[in-house]
Amino acid sequence: MYKVMIVDDEPSVKRSLKTIIEKETSSFEVSAFAENGQEALDLISESLPDVVITDIRMPVMDGLRLAEEVVSRGIQTEMIIISGYSDFSYAKQALRHGVSDYLLKPLDVDEVLRALSLTQKKLGNERKNIIERSEWIAMCKVEAETMAKNLWVLNMAAVWEQLEGIHERLQTYRANSVRLKEKFLHLFYLLQAEIVGLSGNRIQLKTLTEHQWNGQAEQLKRHFELVLQCAMEEIRLIRNWSSHKNMLESLKQINQNFANESFSMMNAVELAGMSPTYFSKSFKEEVGVSYTQYIAKLRMDKAIELLCDPKNKVYEVAYAVGYNEYAHFAKVFKKYFKFSPTDYRHSLEGRRG
């Protein structure tokens, strides 16, 4: 069932919408009501609605401002606005702020059902994509661990066999070039992290150009083979090199304290005994990504782990991995995984249910 929040200061409108949703649909349920946009914002993180149906004209915060706030805070929910004819220009403006659809007063049952039907299809496609993406990321994590170990012992026969298996699996997705690129990039970054760990932070995978990352599955496979060949050569060269002990100690502390809000880059700088500028340069050379990107990866990996436990509330996960503001956490999570924390939680609930 998809959860619906109704936001309107008119009791009759709320009653009408609730009746239509409960009597005329089987896929939606009303989970919350709000009198205005501000109250809705306060409730959204708690009720996690899939759909928000809101009037435009309300006291305190109107529906248009609510739509803007939802987008700016990275909240993942479909929005349908209710407008009087005199507010139609506002309705068009709201559509530019990510609103899915609009309904005109007085409410027409068929129009409400039409809007909900279109929204249901959109939500269904989004959940399907989220489930597919989360399953692919989980698979890539396992594949990256195995591939890195084979690379480290220079067992290229096993690496090529594994890459061929991944390539064959990709054929079943029938994805376009953009989605193929996304899937290979997931594997690339996870493999990068594994190689960094095994090599004592001395190796980073060869970065492909934007042009090389584009193309069909066969082209991407060939380019990925180039990445692996270069990694193998680097492994041969540095296997016996001594590690940078200070940086390793700093990394050890970073890995232990990434979720501690009081632990900053300056703490890591002091542990490494370097200037901030030199530390930043050396860190990227050692690890392959910037300090900020590395911290984000540690936090996002831990967030995924915690979100898998239904006992952990989404906003609690944000605090547990080092973010004191849920909106910032949700924004970073969405940028990193291409789906929001709440969408990921919903996809897990869908698979369990």
Protein backbone atom coordinates (compact mmCIF):
# COMPACT_ATOMS: atom_id res chain seq x y z
CA MET A 1 0.00 0.00 0.00
CA TYR A 2 1.20 3.50 -0.85
CA LYS A 3 0.89 6.04 1.97
CA VAL A 4 -0.88 9.34 1.28
CA MET A 5 -0.64 12.56 3.29
CA ILE A 6 -3.46 15.09 2.78
CA VAL A 7 -2.57 18.73 3.42
CA ASP A 8 -5.51 21.15 3.48
CA ASP A 9 -7.05 23.58 5.95
CA GLU A 10 -10.59 22.70 4.83
CA PRO A 11 -12.04 19.68 6.71
CA SER A 12 -14.52 18.96 3.91
CA VAL A 13 -11.75 18.57 1.36
CA LYS A 14 -9.82 16.23 3.62
CA ARG A 15 -12.92 14.14 4.24
CA SER A 16 -13.72 13.94 0.51
CA LEU A 17 -10.22 12.87 -0.43
CA LYS A 18 -10.06 10.29 2.36
CA THR A 19 -13.38 8.80 1.27
CA ILE A 20 -12.31 8.58 -2.39
CA ILE A 21 -8.97 7.01 -1.52
CA GLU A 22 -10.39 4.46 0.90
CA LYS A 23 -13.47 3.47 -1.12
CA GLU A 24 -12.27 3.77 -4.71
CA THR A 25 -8.65 2.57 -4.57
CA SER A 26 -6.94 -0.56 -3.30
CA SER A 27 -3.33 0.60 -3.51
CA PHE A 28 -3.44 3.77 -1.42
CA GLU A 29 -4.14 4.51 2.22
CA VAL A 30 -4.33 7.85 4.05
CA SER A 31 -1.54 7.85 6.63
CA ALA A 32 -1.54 11.48 7.82
CA PHE A 33 -3.28 14.85 7.69
CA ALA A 34 -1.85 18.35 8.00
CA GLU A 35 -3.48 21.78 8.19
CA ASN A 36 -0.72 23.63 6.33
CA GLY A 37 2.64 23.24 4.65
CA GLN A 38 4.70 23.78 7.79
CA GLU A 39 2.83 21.09 9.69
CA ALA A 40 3.23 18.78 6.69
CA LEU A 41 7.01 19.30 6.66
CA ASP A 42 7.19 18.46 10.35
CA LEU A 43 5.22 15.23 9.79
CA ILE A 44 6.81 14.00 6.56
CA SER A 45 10.00 12.62 8.14
CA GLU A 46 7.85 10.72 10.64
CA SER A 47 5.09 9.35 8.40
CA LEU A 48 7.22 8.92 5.23
CA PRO A 49 4.34 9.33 2.75
CA ASP A 50 4.70 8.11 -0.82
CA VAL A 51 2.26 10.78 -2.00
CA VAL A 52 1.40 14.25 -0.66
CA ILE A 53 -1.86 15.80 -1.87
CA THR A 54 -1.83 19.49 -0.93
CA ASP A 55 -3.93 22.57 -1.48
CA ILE A 56 -2.12 25.63 -2.83
CA ARG A 57 -3.76 28.27 -0.64
CA MET A 58 -3.25 27.63 3.09
CA PRO A 59 -2.17 29.70 6.10
CA VAL A 60 1.40 29.63 7.58
CA MET A 61 2.92 27.89 4.54
CA ASP A 62 1.11 27.43 1.23
CA GLY A 63 1.32 24.43 -1.07
CA LEU A 64 3.73 26.07 -3.51
CA ARG A 65 6.24 26.79 -0.74
CA LEU A 66 5.75 23.25 0.55
CA ALA A 67 6.64 21.86 -2.90
CA GLU A 68 9.77 24.02 -3.00
CA GLU A 69 10.82 22.89 0.48
CA VAL A 70 10.27 19.22 -0.36
CA VAL A 71 12.58 19.52 -3.37
CA SER A 72 15.24 21.60 -1.60
CA ARG A 73 15.39 19.17 1.34
CA GLY A 74 15.76 16.14 -0.90
CA ILE A 75 12.53 14.55 0.35
CA GLN A 76 11.43 11.77 -1.96
CA THR A 77 7.66 11.86 -2.34
CA GLU A 78 5.23 12.42 -5.20
CA MET A 79 3.19 15.60 -4.90
CA ILE A 80 -0.28 16.36 -6.24
CA ILE A 81 -1.63 19.88 -5.76
CA ILE A 82 -5.22 21.07 -5.45
CA SER A 83 -6.02 24.39 -7.08
CA GLY A 84 -8.98 26.65 -7.69
CA TYR A 85 -9.35 28.05 -11.21
CA SER A 86 -8.04 31.41 -10.02
CA ASP A 87 -4.88 29.68 -8.80
CA PHE A 88 -4.16 27.89 -12.08
CA SER A 89 -1.04 29.99 -12.76
CA TYR A 90 0.30 28.86 -9.38
CA ALA A 91 -0.44 25.27 -10.30
CA LYS A 92 1.66 25.59 -13.44
CA GLN A 93 4.47 27.11 -11.39
CA ALA A 94 4.29 24.20 -8.94
CA LEU A 95 4.71 21.72 -11.79
CA ARG A 96 8.10 23.31 -12.40
CA HIS A 97 9.02 22.45 -8.81
CA GLY A 98 8.62 18.72 -9.29
CA VAL A 99 4.89 18.39 -8.59
CA SER A 100 3.51 15.30 -10.35
CA ASP A 101 -0.05 16.41 -11.08
CA TYR A 102 -2.77 18.87 -10.13
CA LEU A 103 -6.47 18.69 -9.33
CA LEU A 104 -9.00 21.49 -9.74
CA LYS A 105 -11.70 22.42 -7.26
CA PRO A 106 -14.38 21.31 -6.87
CA LEU A 107 -12.82 17.86 -6.74
CA ASP A 108 -14.00 15.35 -9.33
CA VAL A 109 -13.77 11.67 -8.34
CA ASP A 110 -12.62 10.56 -11.78
CA GLU A 111 -9.89 13.21 -11.86
CA VAL A 112 -8.65 12.21 -8.43
CA LEU A 113 -8.51 8.57 -9.51
CA ARG A 114 -6.76 9.51 -12.75
CA ALA A 115 -4.06 11.40 -10.87
CA LEU A 116 -3.60 8.56 -8.38
CA SER A 117 -3.41 5.98 -11.17
CA LEU A 118 -0.63 7.89 -12.95
CA THR A 119 1.19 8.36 -9.65
CA GLN A 120 0.88 4.66 -8.85
CA LYS A 121 2.53 3.74 -12.16
CA LYS A 122 5.35 6.18 -11.50
CA LEU A 123 5.90 4.87 -7.98
CA GLY A 124 5.85 1.29 -9.24
CA ASN A 125 8.53 2.01 -11.82
CA GLU A 126 10.63 3.85 -9.25
CA ARG A 127 10.46 1.00 -6.77
CA LYS A 128 11.32 -1.51 -9.47
CA ASN A 129 14.38 0.53 -10.43
CA ILE A 130 15.41 0.94 -6.79
CA ILE A 131 15.15 -2.80 -6.12
CA GLU A 132 17.15 -3.56 -9.27
CA ARG A 133 19.80 -0.98 -8.37
CA SER A 134 20.13 -2.10 -4.75
CA GLU A 135 20.44 -5.76 -5.83
CA TRP A 136 23.11 -4.79 -8.37
CA ILE A 137 25.11 -2.86 -5.77
CA ALA A 138 24.97 -5.81 -3.37
CA MET A 139 26.13 -8.13 -6.14
CA CYS A 140 28.92 -5.72 -7.14
CA LYS A 141 30.24 -5.62 -3.58
CA VAL A 142 30.69 -9.39 -3.57
CA GLU A 143 32.14 -9.41 -7.09
CA ALA A 144 34.57 -6.58 -6.26
CA GLU A 145 35.90 -8.39 -3.20
CA THR A 146 36.56 -11.56 -5.20
CA MET A 147 38.01 -9.71 -8.21
CA ALA A 148 40.37 -7.65 -6.03
CA LYS A 149 41.72 -10.76 -4.33
CA ASN A 150 42.33 -12.43 -7.70
CA LEU A 151 44.01 -9.29 -9.02
CA TRP A 152 46.24 -9.05 -5.96
CA VAL A 153 47.60 -12.57 -6.53
CA LEU A 154 47.74 -11.88 -10.31
CA ASN A 155 45.26 -14.64 -11.11
CA MET A 156 44.10 -13.01 -14.32
CA ALA A 157 42.43 -16.14 -15.68
CA ALA A 158 39.98 -15.98 -12.79
CA VAL A 159 39.53 -12.21 -13.25
CA TRP A 160 38.66 -12.55 -16.95
CA GLU A 161 36.26 -15.39 -16.22
CA GLN A 162 34.57 -13.29 -13.54
CA LEU A 163 34.31 -10.25 -15.81
CA GLU A 164 32.73 -12.39 -18.51
CA GLY A 165 30.13 -13.60 -16.00
CA ILE A 166 29.31 -10.01 -15.02
CA HIS A 167 29.04 -9.06 -18.70
CA GLU A 168 26.58 -11.90 -19.34
CA ARG A 169 24.51 -10.84 -16.34
CA LEU A 170 24.30 -7.30 -17.68
CA GLN A 171 22.72 -8.60 -20.89
CA THR A 172 19.65 -9.65 -18.92
CA TYR A 173 18.96 -6.04 -17.88
CA ARG A 174 18.54 -4.77 -21.44
CA ALA A 175 19.66 -1.41 -20.13
CA ASN A 176 20.44 1.67 -22.20
CA SER A 177 23.96 3.10 -22.33
CA VAL A 178 23.37 5.48 -19.41
CA ARG A 179 22.27 2.69 -17.08
CA LEU A 180 25.05 0.39 -18.29
CA LYS A 181 27.56 3.11 -17.47
CA GLU A 182 26.02 3.47 -14.01
CA LYS A 183 26.28 -0.27 -13.35
CA PHE A 184 29.92 -0.46 -14.43
CA LEU A 185 30.74 2.60 -12.32
CA HIS A 186 29.30 0.88 -9.25
CA LEU A 187 31.63 -2.06 -9.87
CA PHE A 188 34.55 0.30 -10.57
CA TYR A 189 34.27 2.25 -7.31
CA LEU A 190 33.72 -0.84 -5.17
CA LEU A 191 36.71 -2.52 -6.82
CA GLN A 192 38.73 0.66 -6.28
CA ALA A 193 38.01 0.52 -2.55
CA GLU A 194 39.05 -3.13 -2.35
CA ILE A 195 42.31 -2.55 -4.26
CA VAL A 196 43.11 0.45 -2.06
CA GLY A 197 42.74 -1.71 1.02
CA LEU A 198 44.79 -4.63 -0.30
CA SER A 199 47.61 -2.44 -1.63
CA GLY A 200 48.03 -0.37 1.51
CA ASN A 201 46.60 2.59 -0.41
CA ARG A 202 49.32 2.56 -3.05
CA ILE A 203 47.18 1.74 -6.08
CA GLN A 204 44.22 3.46 -7.64
CA LEU A 205 42.51 2.10 -10.71
CA LYS A 206 43.06 3.85 -14.00
CA THR A 207 40.29 6.39 -14.55
CA LEU A 208 38.54 6.14 -17.89
CA THR A 209 37.51 9.17 -19.91
CA GLU A 210 33.86 10.16 -20.14
CA HIS A 211 33.84 8.91 -23.72
CA GLN A 212 35.18 5.48 -22.71
CA TRP A 213 32.48 5.09 -20.06
CA ASN A 214 29.79 5.57 -22.71
CA GLY A 215 28.77 2.80 -25.03
CA GLN A 216 27.16 -0.60 -25.14
CA ALA A 217 27.97 -3.51 -22.84
CA GLU A 218 30.66 -5.00 -25.11
CA GLN A 219 32.51 -1.68 -25.35
CA LEU A 220 32.32 -1.10 -21.62
CA LYS A 221 33.64 -4.60 -21.00
CA ARG A 222 36.68 -3.93 -23.22
CA HIS A 223 37.39 -0.64 -21.46
CA PHE A 224 37.06 -2.33 -18.08
CA GLU A 225 39.57 -4.96 -19.23
CA LEU A 226 42.00 -2.09 -19.86
CA VAL A 227 41.46 -0.86 -16.28
CA LEU A 228 42.19 -4.34 -14.92
CA GLN A 229 45.30 -4.79 -17.06
CA CYS A 230 46.73 -1.49 -15.80
CA ALA A 231 45.94 -2.48 -12.22
CA MET A 232 47.77 -5.75 -12.68
CA GLU A 233 50.88 -3.93 -13.92
CA GLU A 234 50.80 -1.56 -10.96
CA ILE A 235 50.40 -4.47 -8.56
CA ARG A 236 53.50 -6.11 -10.06
CA LEU A 237 55.46 -2.88 -9.56
CA ILE A 238 54.47 -2.00 -5.98
CA ARG A 239 53.76 -5.31 -4.26
CA ASN A 240 57.05 -5.03 -2.37
CA TRP A 241 57.01 -1.28 -1.68
CA SER A 242 56.94 -0.15 1.94
CA SER A 243 53.74 1.48 3.17
CA HIS A 244 53.43 5.01 4.44
CA LYS A 245 53.04 4.24 8.13
CA ASN A 246 51.79 7.64 9.18
CA MET A 247 49.09 7.71 6.54
CA LEU A 248 48.07 4.16 7.38
CA GLU A 249 47.69 5.10 11.04
CA SER A 250 45.64 8.10 10.05
CA LEU A 251 43.43 5.93 7.82
CA LYS A 252 42.99 3.47 10.66
CA GLN A 253 41.66 6.23 12.88
CA ILE A 254 39.45 7.58 10.10
CA ASN A 255 37.92 4.13 9.58
CA GLN A 256 37.21 3.89 13.31
CA ASN A 257 35.85 7.43 13.76
CA PHE A 258 34.08 8.31 10.49
CA ALA A 259 30.70 8.45 12.26
CA ASN A 260 32.03 10.62 15.09
CA GLU A 261 30.94 14.21 14.50
CA SER A 262 33.83 15.55 16.59
CA PHE A 263 36.44 13.78 14.42
CA SER A 264 37.49 16.08 11.58
CA MET A 265 40.10 16.14 8.85
CA MET A 266 42.33 18.16 11.17
CA ASN A 267 42.46 15.20 13.55
CA ALA A 268 43.59 13.01 10.66
CA VAL A 269 46.12 15.66 9.61
CA GLU A 270 47.66 15.70 13.10
CA LEU A 271 47.89 11.89 13.19
CA ALA A 272 49.69 11.87 9.83
CA GLY A 273 52.04 14.66 10.92
CA MET A 274 51.48 16.66 7.75
CA SER A 275 50.24 20.08 6.76
CA PRO A 276 46.55 20.16 5.69
CA THR A 277 47.50 20.89 2.07
CA TYR A 278 50.07 18.10 1.86
CA PHE A 279 47.76 15.69 3.68
CA SER A 280 44.94 16.34 1.17
CA LYS A 281 47.29 15.76 -1.76
CA SER A 282 48.88 12.65 -0.21
CA PHE A 283 45.51 11.25 0.88
CA LYS A 284 44.14 11.38 -2.66
CA GLU A 285 47.34 9.83 -4.04
CA GLU A 286 47.19 7.04 -1.46
CA VAL A 287 43.47 6.30 -1.47
CA GLY A 288 42.40 7.43 -4.93
CA VAL A 289 39.65 9.76 -3.72
CA SER A 290 39.52 12.92 -1.62
CA TYR A 291 39.12 12.83 2.16
CA THR A 292 35.51 14.05 1.84
CA GLN A 293 34.65 11.37 -0.74
CA TYR A 294 36.25 8.67 1.39
CA ILE A 295 34.30 9.71 4.50
CA ALA A 296 31.09 9.80 2.43
CA LYS A 297 31.73 6.27 1.18
CA LEU A 298 32.30 4.92 4.70
CA ARG A 299 29.14 6.62 5.92
CA MET A 300 27.02 5.49 2.98
CA ASP A 301 28.19 1.87 3.28
CA LYS A 302 27.31 1.91 6.97
CA ALA A 303 23.97 3.60 6.24
CA ILE A 304 23.01 0.83 3.80
CA GLU A 305 23.90 -1.75 6.45
CA LEU A 306 21.82 -0.02 9.14
CA LEU A 307 18.83 0.58 6.84
CA CYS A 308 18.59 -3.17 6.27
CA ASP A 309 17.50 -3.53 9.91
CA PRO A 310 13.83 -2.45 10.14
CA LYS A 311 14.35 -1.59 13.83
CA ASN A 312 16.48 1.40 12.83
CA LYS A 313 14.44 4.48 11.94
CA VAL A 314 15.66 6.33 8.86
CA TYR A 315 16.46 9.53 10.74
CA GLU A 316 18.29 7.52 13.42
CA VAL A 317 20.52 6.05 10.73
CA ALA A 318 21.47 9.58 9.67
CA TYR A 319 22.70 10.40 13.17
CA ALA A 320 24.40 7.00 13.55
CA VAL A 321 26.64 7.59 10.53
CA GLY A 322 27.68 11.12 11.47
CA TYR A 323 25.04 13.52 10.11
CA ASN A 324 23.29 15.82 12.57
CA GLU A 325 20.74 16.92 9.94
CA TYR A 326 18.54 14.38 8.19
CA ALA A 327 18.11 16.60 5.11
CA HIS A 328 21.88 16.71 4.53
CA PHE A 329 22.12 12.93 4.98
CA ALA A 330 19.25 12.34 2.52
CA LYS A 331 20.85 14.65 -0.05
CA VAL A 332 24.25 12.91 0.16
CA PHE A 333 22.60 9.47 0.11
CA LYS A 334 20.54 10.32 -3.00
CA LYS A 335 23.59 11.74 -4.80
CA TYR A 336 25.66 8.67 -3.92
CA PHE A 337 23.17 5.88 -4.69
CA LYS A 338 20.67 7.65 -7.03
CA PHE A 339 17.82 6.80 -4.67
CA SER A 340 16.76 8.16 -1.29
CA PRO A 341 17.05 6.43 2.12
CA THR A 342 13.26 6.18 2.39
CA ASP A 343 13.00 4.68 -1.10
CA TYR A 344 15.63 2.10 -0.18
CA ARG A 345 13.75 1.26 3.02
CA HIS A 346 10.50 0.93 1.05
CA SER A 347 12.20 -1.39 -1.45
CA LEU A 348 13.35 -3.63 1.41
CA GLU A 349 9.85 -3.64 2.89
CA GLY A 350 8.46 -4.56 -0.52
CA ARG A 351 10.77 -7.56 -0.80
CA ARG A 352 9.96 -8.72 2.74
CA GLY A 353 6.22 -8.26 2.24
